[in-house]
Structures are given as C-alpha cells and as structure tokens.
PDB file of N, CA and C in Angstrom:
ATOM      1  N   GLN A   1       6.569  -6.418  -8.703  1.00  0.00           N
ATOM      2  CA  GLN A   1       5.751  -5.654  -7.874  1.00  0.00           C
ATOM      3  C   GLN A   1       4.623  -5.089  -8.673  1.00  0.00           C
ATOM      4  N   PRO A   2       3.514  -4.813  -8.108  1.00  0.00           N
ATOM      5  CA  PRO A   2       2.464  -4.107  -9.476  1.00  0.00           C
ATOM      6  C   PRO A   2       2.703  -2.472  -8.903  1.00  0.00           C
ATOM      7  N   ALA A   3       2.303  -1.657  -9.947  1.00  0.00           N
ATOM      8  CA  ALA A   3       2.571  -0.258  -9.685  1.00  0.00           C
ATOM      9  C   ALA A   3       1.410   0.241  -8.299  1.00  0.00           C
ATOM     10  N   ALA A   4       1.915   1.176  -7.923  1.00  0.00           N
ATOM     11  CA  ALA A   4       1.246   1.734  -6.630  1.00  0.00           C
ATOM     12  C   ALA A   4      -0.548   1.828  -7.033  1.00  0.00           C
ATOM     13  N   ALA A   5      -1.091   2.046  -6.231  1.00  0.00           N
ATOM     14  CA  ALA A   5      -2.878   2.086  -6.338  1.00  0.00           C
ATOM     15  C   ALA A   5      -2.738   3.757  -6.603  1.00  0.00           C
ATOM     16  N   GLY A   6      -3.690   3.416  -7.791  1.00  0.00           N
ATOM     17  CA  GLY A   6      -3.705   4.840  -8.059  1.00  0.00           C
ATOM     18  C   GLY A   6      -2.584   5.132  -9.201  1.00  0.00           C
ATOM     19  N   ALA A   7      -1.726   4.238  -9.314  1.00  0.00           N
ATOM     20  CA  ALA A   7      -0.590   5.176 -10.158  1.00  0.00           C
ATOM     21  C   ALA A   7      -1.536   4.513 -12.103  1.00  0.00           C
ATOM     22  N   PRO A   8      -0.644   5.723 -12.962  1.00  0.00           N
ATOM     23  CA  PRO A   8      -1.151   6.144 -14.209  1.00  0.00           C
ATOM     24  C   PRO A   8      -0.682   4.649 -14.524  1.00  0.00           C
ATOM     25  N   GLY A   9      -1.706   3.868 -15.667  1.00  0.00           N
ATOM     26  CA  GLY A   9      -1.238   2.894 -16.078  1.00  0.00           C
ATOM     27  C   GLY A   9      -0.828   3.305 -17.805  1.00  0.00           C
ATOM     28  N   PRO A  10      -1.216   2.154 -18.948  1.00  0.00           N
ATOM     29  CA  PRO A  10      -0.820   2.671 -19.855  1.00  0.00           C
ATOM     30  C   PRO A  10      -1.194   3.972 -20.444  1.00  0.00           C
ATOM     31  N   GLN A  11      -0.649   4.720 -21.049  1.00  0.00           N
ATOM     32  CA  GLN A  11      -1.064   5.910 -21.715  1.00  0.00           C
ATOM     33  C   GLN A  11      -1.373   7.033 -20.614  1.00  0.00           C
ATOM     34  N   GLY A  12      -1.129   6.983 -19.441  1.00  0.00           N
ATOM     35  CA  GLY A  12      -1.528   7.944 -18.395  1.00  0.00           C
ATOM     36  C   GLY A  12      -2.867   7.624 -17.870  1.00  0.00           C
ATOM     37  N   ALA A  13      -3.652   6.618 -18.244  1.00  0.00           N
ATOM     38  CA  ALA A  13      -5.083   6.227 -17.397  1.00  0.00           C
ATOM     39  C   ALA A  13      -4.801   5.908 -16.154  1.00  0.00           C
ATOM     40  N   PRO A  14      -5.678   6.043 -15.358  1.00  0.00           N
ATOM     41  CA  PRO A  14      -5.766   5.621 -13.812  1.00  0.00           C
ATOM     42  C   PRO A  14      -5.649   3.766 -14.326  1.00  0.00           C
ATOM     43  N   GLU A  15      -4.677   2.969 -13.242  1.00  0.00           N
ATOM     44  CA  GLU A  15      -5.257   1.878 -13.516  1.00  0.00           C
ATOM     45  C   GLU A  15      -6.259   1.242 -12.791  1.00  0.00           C
ATOM     46  N   GLN A  16      -7.180   0.649 -13.120  1.00  0.00           N
ATOM     47  CA  GLN A  16      -8.309  -0.143 -12.588  1.00  0.00           C
ATOM     48  C   GLN A  16      -8.363  -1.277 -11.674  1.00  0.00           C
ATOM     49  N   PRO A  17      -8.603  -0.556 -10.832  1.00  0.00           N
ATOM     50  CA  PRO A  17      -8.221  -2.069  -9.372  1.00  0.00           C
ATOM     51  C   PRO A  17      -8.984  -2.980  -9.941  1.00  0.00           C
ATOM     52  N   ALA A  18      -8.011  -4.168  -9.620  1.00  0.00           N
ATOM     53  CA  ALA A  18      -8.952  -5.541  -9.930  1.00  0.00           C
ATOM     54  C   ALA A  18      -8.663  -6.599  -8.615  1.00  0.00           C
ATOM     55  N   GLN A  19      -9.683  -6.177  -7.937  1.00  0.00           N
ATOM     56  CA  GLN A  19      -9.697  -6.768  -6.476  1.00  0.00           C
ATOM     57  C   GLN A  19      -9.634  -8.060  -6.462  1.00  0.00           C
ATOM     58  N   PRO A  20      -8.072  -8.542  -5.871  1.00  0.00           N
ATOM     59  CA  PRO A  20      -7.865 -10.016  -5.763  1.00  0.00           C
ATOM     60  C   PRO A  20      -9.261 -10.711  -5.005  1.00  0.00           C
ATOM     61  N   SER A  21      -9.195 -12.178  -5.079  1.00  0.00           N
ATOM     62  CA  SER A  21     -10.215 -12.718  -4.566  1.00  0.00           C
ATOM     63  C   SER A  21     -10.152 -13.032  -3.019  1.00  0.00           C
ATOM     64  N   GLY A  22     -10.840 -12.478  -2.420  1.00  0.00           N
ATOM     65  CA  GLY A  22     -10.735 -12.476  -0.962  1.00  0.00           C
ATOM     66  C   GLY A  22     -10.378 -11.313  -0.072  1.00  0.00           C
ATOM     67  N   TRP A  23      -9.796 -10.519  -1.171  1.00  0.00           N
ATOM     68  CA  TRP A  23      -9.357  -9.167  -0.433  1.00  0.00           C
ATOM     69  C   TRP A  23     -10.336  -8.351   0.433  1.00  0.00           C
ATOM     70  N   THR A  24     -10.444  -7.713   1.540  1.00  0.00           N
ATOM     71  CA  THR A  24     -10.993  -7.142   2.261  1.00  0.00           C
ATOM     72  C   THR A  24     -10.083  -5.939   2.825  1.00  0.00           C
ATOM     73  N   PRO A  25     -10.048  -4.945   2.605  1.00  0.00           N
ATOM     74  CA  PRO A  25      -9.779  -3.863   3.181  1.00  0.00           C
ATOM     75  C   PRO A  25      -9.520  -3.748   4.927  1.00  0.00           C
ATOM     76  N   THR A  26      -8.637  -3.733   5.576  1.00  0.00           N
ATOM     77  CA  THR A  26      -8.385  -3.751   6.800  1.00  0.00           C
ATOM     78  C   THR A  26      -8.205  -2.518   7.956  1.00  0.00           C
ATOM     79  N   HIS A  27      -7.784  -1.205   6.748  1.00  0.00           N
ATOM     80  CA  HIS A  27      -7.004  -0.177   7.274  1.00  0.00           C
ATOM     81  C   HIS A  27      -7.591   0.804   6.130  1.00  0.00           C
ATOM     82  N   VAL A  28      -7.239   2.088   6.325  1.00  0.00           N
ATOM     83  CA  VAL A  28      -7.118   3.153   5.424  1.00  0.00           C
ATOM     84  C   VAL A  28      -5.492   3.591   5.847  1.00  0.00           C
ATOM     85  N   VAL A  29      -5.034   4.296   4.401  1.00  0.00           N
ATOM     86  CA  VAL A  29      -4.046   5.441   4.949  1.00  0.00           C
ATOM     87  C   VAL A  29      -4.311   6.574   5.532  1.00  0.00           C
ATOM     88  N   PRO A  30      -3.430   6.862   6.325  1.00  0.00           N
ATOM     89  CA  PRO A  30      -4.256   8.297   7.255  1.00  0.00           C
ATOM     90  C   PRO A  30      -4.277   9.494   6.449  1.00  0.00           C
ATOM     91  N   ALA A  31      -4.497  10.464   6.933  1.00  0.00           N
ATOM     92  CA  ALA A  31      -5.077  11.777   6.407  1.00  0.00           C
ATOM     93  C   ALA A  31      -3.761  12.787   5.520  1.00  0.00           C
ATOM     94  N   GLY A  32      -2.477  12.253   6.046  1.00  0.00           N
ATOM     95  CA  GLY A  32      -1.018  13.069   5.462  1.00  0.00           C
ATOM     96  C   GLY A  32      -0.912  12.339   4.217  1.00  0.00           C
ATOM     97  N   GLY A  33      -1.434  10.746   4.289  1.00  0.00           N
ATOM     98  CA  GLY A  33      -0.915  10.008   3.378  1.00  0.00           C
ATOM     99  C   GLY A  33       0.806   9.171   3.907  1.00  0.00           C
ATOM    100  N   MET A  34       0.543   8.451   3.198  1.00  0.00           N
ATOM    101  CA  MET A  34       2.208   7.448   3.763  1.00  0.00           C
ATOM    102  C   MET A  34       2.912   7.491   2.956  1.00  0.00           C
ATOM    103  N   VAL A  35       4.498   7.024   2.983  1.00  0.00           N
ATOM    104  CA  VAL A  35       5.805   6.110   2.467  1.00  0.00           C
ATOM    105  C   VAL A  35       5.416   4.706   2.715  1.00  0.00           C
ATOM    106  N   ALA A  36       5.297   4.073   1.833  1.00  0.00           N
ATOM    107  CA  ALA A  36       5.850   2.755   1.862  1.00  0.00           C
ATOM    108  C   ALA A  36       7.074   2.013   1.300  1.00  0.00           C
ATOM    109  N   TRP A  37       7.857   0.866   1.862  1.00  0.00           N
ATOM    110  CA  TRP A  37       9.052   0.643   1.384  1.00  0.00           C
ATOM    111  C   TRP A  37       8.817  -0.997   0.564  1.00  0.00           C
ATOM    112  N   GLN A  38       9.918  -0.993   0.272  1.00  0.00           N
ATOM    113  CA  GLN A  38      10.258  -2.631  -0.247  1.00  0.00           C
ATOM    114  C   GLN A  38      10.535  -3.171   0.600  1.00  0.00           C
ATOM    115  N   ALA A  39      10.674  -3.323   2.166  1.00  0.00           N
ATOM    116  CA  ALA A  39      11.317  -4.303   2.761  1.00  0.00           C
ATOM    117  C   ALA A  39      11.112  -3.656   4.055  1.00  0.00           C
ATOM    118  N   PRO A  40      10.764  -4.293   5.398  1.00  0.00           N
ATOM    119  CA  PRO A  40      10.615  -3.789   6.546  1.00  0.00           C
ATOM    120  C   PRO A  40      11.715  -3.152   7.185  1.00  0.00           C
ATOM    121  N   HIS A  41      12.273  -1.793   6.635  1.00  0.00           N
ATOM    122  CA  HIS A  41      13.974  -1.593   7.358  1.00  0.00           C
ATOM    123  C   HIS A  41      13.727  -0.374   6.808  1.00  0.00           C
ATOM    124  N   PRO A  42      13.877   0.726   7.255  1.00  0.00           N
ATOM    125  CA  PRO A  42      14.214   1.951   7.124  1.00  0.00           C
ATOM    126  C   PRO A  42      15.338   2.789   6.097  1.00  0.00           C
ATOM    127  N   SER A  43      16.064   1.953   5.750  1.00  0.00           N
ATOM    128  CA  SER A  43      17.117   2.006   4.530  1.00  0.00           C
ATOM    129  C   SER A  43      16.805   1.403   3.613  1.00  0.00           C
ATOM    130  N   ALA A  44      15.911   0.945   3.268  1.00  0.00           N
ATOM    131  CA  ALA A  44      15.623   0.110   2.155  1.00  0.00           C
ATOM    132  C   ALA A  44      14.738   1.155   1.070  1.00  0.00           C
ATOM    133  N   PRO A  45      14.983   0.583  -0.205  1.00  0.00           N
ATOM    134  CA  PRO A  45      14.151   1.959  -1.029  1.00  0.00           C
ATOM    135  C   PRO A  45      12.668   1.897  -0.370  1.00  0.00           C
ATOM    136  N   GLN A  46      12.663   3.267  -0.919  1.00  0.00           N
ATOM    137  CA  GLN A  46      10.795   3.692  -0.874  1.00  0.00           C
ATOM    138  C   GLN A  46      10.026   3.081  -2.097  1.00  0.00           C
ATOM    139  N   SER A  47       8.993   2.607  -2.294  1.00  0.00           N
ATOM    140  CA  SER A  47       8.610   1.997  -2.932  1.00  0.00           C
ATOM    141  C   SER A  47       7.352   2.775  -3.673  1.00  0.00           C
ATOM    142  N   ALA A  48       6.505   3.787  -2.915  1.00  0.00           N
ATOM    143  CA  ALA A  48       5.330   4.570  -3.551  1.00  0.00           C
ATOM    144  C   ALA A  48       5.074   5.755  -1.969  1.00  0.00           C
ATOM    145  N   ARG A  49       4.354   6.629  -2.512  1.00  0.00           N
ATOM    146  CA  ARG A  49       3.841   7.343  -1.303  1.00  0.00           C
ATOM    147  C   ARG A  49       2.401   6.885  -1.750  1.00  0.00           C
ATOM    148  N   LEU A  50       1.614   6.351  -0.578  1.00  0.00           N
ATOM    149  CA  LEU A  50       0.280   6.213  -0.863  1.00  0.00           C
ATOM    150  C   LEU A  50      -0.823   7.360  -0.027  1.00  0.00           C
ATOM    151  N   GLN A  51      -1.751   7.597  -0.836  1.00  0.00           N
ATOM    152  CA  GLN A  51      -2.607   8.632  -0.716  1.00  0.00           C
ATOM    153  C   GLN A  51      -3.167   8.511   0.424  1.00  0.00           C
ATOM    154  N   PRO A  52      -3.960   9.688   0.803  1.00  0.00           N
ATOM    155  CA  PRO A  52      -4.713   9.678   1.902  1.00  0.00           C
ATOM    156  C   PRO A  52      -6.179   8.574   1.840  1.00  0.00           C
ATOM    157  N   GLY A  53      -6.655   8.146   2.667  1.00  0.00           N
ATOM    158  CA  GLY A  53      -7.823   7.326   2.914  1.00  0.00           C
ATOM    159  C   GLY A  53      -7.979   5.892   1.676  1.00  0.00           C
ATOM    160  N   LEU A  54      -6.588   5.437   1.052  1.00  0.00           N
ATOM    161  CA  LEU A  54      -6.666   4.779   0.278  1.00  0.00           C
ATOM    162  C   LEU A  54      -6.852   3.283   1.183  1.00  0.00           C
ATOM    163  N   PRO A  55      -7.953   2.660   0.814  1.00  0.00           N
ATOM    164  CA  PRO A  55      -7.884   1.150   1.611  1.00  0.00           C
ATOM    165  C   PRO A  55      -7.338  -0.186   1.600  1.00  0.00           C
ATOM    166  N   ILE A  56      -6.746  -0.655   2.553  1.00  0.00           N
ATOM    167  CA  ILE A  56      -5.525  -1.258   2.407  1.00  0.00           C
ATOM    168  C   ILE A  56      -5.770  -2.360   3.206  1.00  0.00           C
ATOM    169  N   GLN A  57      -5.126  -3.451   3.185  1.00  0.00           N
ATOM    170  CA  GLN A  57      -5.315  -4.901   4.096  1.00  0.00           C
ATOM    171  C   GLN A  57      -3.874  -5.198   4.523  1.00  0.00           C
ATOM    172  N   VAL A  58      -3.831  -5.269   5.752  1.00  0.00           N
ATOM    173  CA  VAL A  58      -2.791  -5.804   6.305  1.00  0.00           C
ATOM    174  C   VAL A  58      -2.531  -7.298   6.336  1.00  0.00           C
ATOM    175  N   VAL A  59      -1.489  -7.519   5.801  1.00  0.00           N
ATOM    176  CA  VAL A  59      -1.168  -9.495   5.418  1.00  0.00           C
ATOM    177  C   VAL A  59      -0.229  -9.705   6.243  1.00  0.00           C
ATOM    178  N   GLU A  60       0.766  -8.706   6.965  1.00  0.00           N
ATOM    179  CA  GLU A  60       2.091  -9.343   7.866  1.00  0.00           C
ATOM    180  C   GLU A  60       2.369  -8.144   8.935  1.00  0.00           C
ATOM    181  N   ARG A  61       2.553  -8.789   9.558  1.00  0.00           N
ATOM    182  CA  ARG A  61       3.262  -7.943  10.899  1.00  0.00           C
ATOM    183  C   ARG A  61       4.667  -7.916  11.313  1.00  0.00           C
ATOM    184  N   LEU A  62       5.530  -7.210  11.386  1.00  0.00           N
ATOM    185  CA  LEU A  62       7.063  -7.275  11.827  1.00  0.00           C
ATOM    186  C   LEU A  62       7.409  -5.879  12.757  1.00  0.00           C
ATOM    187  N   GLY A  63       6.863  -6.266  13.792  1.00  0.00           N
ATOM    188  CA  GLY A  63       7.450  -5.569  14.809  1.00  0.00           C
ATOM    189  C   GLY A  63       6.577  -4.272  14.648  1.00  0.00           C
ATOM    190  N   ALA A  64       6.799  -2.985  14.423  1.00  0.00           N
ATOM    191  CA  ALA A  64       6.404  -1.680  13.856  1.00  0.00           C
ATOM    192  C   ALA A  64       5.851  -1.367  12.167  1.00  0.00           C
ATOM    193  N   TRP A  65       6.293  -2.718  11.640  1.00  0.00           N
ATOM    194  CA  TRP A  65       6.111  -2.458  10.157  1.00  0.00           C
ATOM    195  C   TRP A  65       4.869  -3.395  10.252  1.00  0.00           C
ATOM    196  N   ALA A  66       4.295  -2.902   9.072  1.00  0.00           N
ATOM    197  CA  ALA A  66       3.016  -4.018   8.513  1.00  0.00           C
ATOM    198  C   ALA A  66       3.031  -3.957   6.651  1.00  0.00           C
ATOM    199  N   ARG A  67       2.808  -5.051   6.449  1.00  0.00           N
ATOM    200  CA  ARG A  67       2.851  -5.625   5.276  1.00  0.00           C
ATOM    201  C   ARG A  67       1.354  -5.478   4.691  1.00  0.00           C
ATOM    202  N   VAL A  68       1.310  -4.278   3.541  1.00  0.00           N
ATOM    203  CA  VAL A  68       0.126  -4.006   3.021  1.00  0.00           C
ATOM    204  C   VAL A  68      -0.449  -4.344   1.722  1.00  0.00           C
ATOM    205  N   VAL A  69      -1.311  -4.575   1.442  1.00  0.00           N
ATOM    206  CA  VAL A  69      -2.004  -5.193   0.154  1.00  0.00           C
ATOM    207  C   VAL A  69      -3.142  -3.980  -0.607  1.00  0.00           C
ATOM    208  N   ALA A  70      -2.672  -3.206  -1.817  1.00  0.00           N
ATOM    209  CA  ALA A  70      -3.908  -3.078  -2.147  1.00  0.00           C
ATOM    210  C   ALA A  70      -4.842  -3.669  -2.982  1.00  0.00           C
ATOM    211  N   SER A  71      -6.215  -2.870  -3.079  1.00  0.00           N
ATOM    212  CA  SER A  71      -6.886  -3.764  -4.006  1.00  0.00           C
ATOM    213  C   SER A  71      -6.723  -3.974  -5.587  1.00  0.00           C
ATOM    214  N   ASN A  72      -5.462  -3.244  -5.971  1.00  0.00           N
ATOM    215  CA  ASN A  72      -4.879  -4.047  -7.036  1.00  0.00           C
ATOM    216  C   ASN A  72      -3.925  -4.512  -7.068  1.00  0.00           C
ATOM    217  N   GLY A  73      -3.504  -5.309  -5.919  1.00  0.00           N
ATOM    218  CA  GLY A  73      -2.402  -6.314  -5.753  1.00  0.00           C
ATOM    219  C   GLY A  73      -1.359  -5.672  -5.537  1.00  0.00           C
ATOM    220  N   TRP A  74      -0.841  -4.326  -5.308  1.00  0.00           N
ATOM    221  CA  TRP A  74       0.349  -3.708  -5.276  1.00  0.00           C
ATOM    222  C   TRP A  74       0.637  -4.280  -3.787  1.00  0.00           C
ATOM    223  N   TRP A  75       1.587  -4.482  -3.221  1.00  0.00           N
ATOM    224  CA  TRP A  75       1.977  -4.503  -1.221  1.00  0.00           C
ATOM    225  C   TRP A  75       3.168  -3.750  -1.330  1.00  0.00           C
ATOM    226  N   GLY A  76       3.581  -3.503  -0.480  1.00  0.00           N
ATOM    227  CA  GLY A  76       4.795  -2.682   0.464  1.00  0.00           C
ATOM    228  C   GLY A  76       4.548  -2.380   2.003  1.00  0.00           C
ATOM    229  N   TRP A  77       5.759  -2.026   2.726  1.00  0.00           N
ATOM    230  CA  TRP A  77       5.988  -2.398   3.891  1.00  0.00           C
ATOM    231  C   TRP A  77       5.639  -0.739   4.366  1.00  0.00           C
ATOM    232  N   VAL A  78       4.472  -0.453   5.585  1.00  0.00           N
ATOM    233  CA  VAL A  78       4.297   0.670   5.517  1.00  0.00           C
ATOM    234  C   VAL A  78       4.724   0.667   7.368  1.00  0.00           C
ATOM    235  N   ASP A  79       4.576   1.966   8.132  1.00  0.00           N
ATOM    236  CA  ASP A  79       4.804   2.034   9.371  1.00  0.00           C
ATOM    237  C   ASP A  79       3.428   1.799  10.376  1.00  0.00           C
ATOM    238  N   GLY A  80       3.305   0.748  10.678  1.00  0.00           N
ATOM    239  CA  GLY A  80       1.741   0.460  10.738  1.00  0.00           C
ATOM    240  C   GLY A  80       1.403   0.887  12.235  1.00  0.00           C
ATOM    241  N   ARG A  81       2.291   1.541  12.808  1.00  0.00           N
ATOM    242  CA  ARG A  81       1.378   2.405  13.762  1.00  0.00           C
ATOM    243  C   ARG A  81       0.583   3.841  13.136  1.00  0.00           C
ATOM    244  N   MET A  82       0.712   4.041  11.753  1.00  0.00           N
ATOM    245  CA  MET A  82       0.105   5.406  11.823  1.00  0.00           C
ATOM    246  C   MET A  82      -1.151   5.078  10.750  1.00  0.00           C
ATOM    247  N   LEU A  83      -1.460   3.090  10.696  1.00  0.00           N
ATOM    248  CA  LEU A  83      -2.912   3.281   9.688  1.00  0.00           C
ATOM    249  C   LEU A  83      -3.742   3.241  10.992  1.00  0.00           C
ATOM    250  N   SER A  84      -5.190   3.582  10.522  1.00  0.00           N
ATOM    251  CA  SER A  84      -6.375   3.740  11.335  1.00  0.00           C
ATOM    252  C   SER A  84      -7.415   2.683  10.915  1.00  0.00           C
TER     253      SER A  84
END
C-alpha cells in the first residue's frame, strides 16, 4: 500500500500526487481530520491520519465503513459516517 497522501517521499520531500486514470474525488476529510485503518474493523491496525480537507474517492462501502482512495493511489478504510 502506498504512503498516505501528503506523506514525505524520498529525502523528506512531499510526495507528488499522481492521479490514477479516472480518479475523481467524491468526498473530503472533515475539519478535524480522521484516522484510516488497514481493514474495516476497529481492532485492525491504523494506517494513517488523514489531513482535514483532503479530497478522497469512496470506492466501497461496508456498513458504516468506507474504503477510500487518495489522488496518489493510497487507500484505507475510514468511518464513512464522518465524510462530507
């Protein structure tokens, strides 16, 4: 799984998003930011802390969980009820 959106790339430089073909944001991360998990379960390891206002695309829903993809190809599971 690629690094989280905005995560440092080589030598600490911010990673430049490479938008996947057909990627279109459907939601944004809420003002307080949010945690992402590797799997749709609260006991799964957390994979990232998403920054407020980050555009994301919801690609799958499983109950209250949403699998999201960022413009750089990173993906994770979030509490879909918090998305705006």
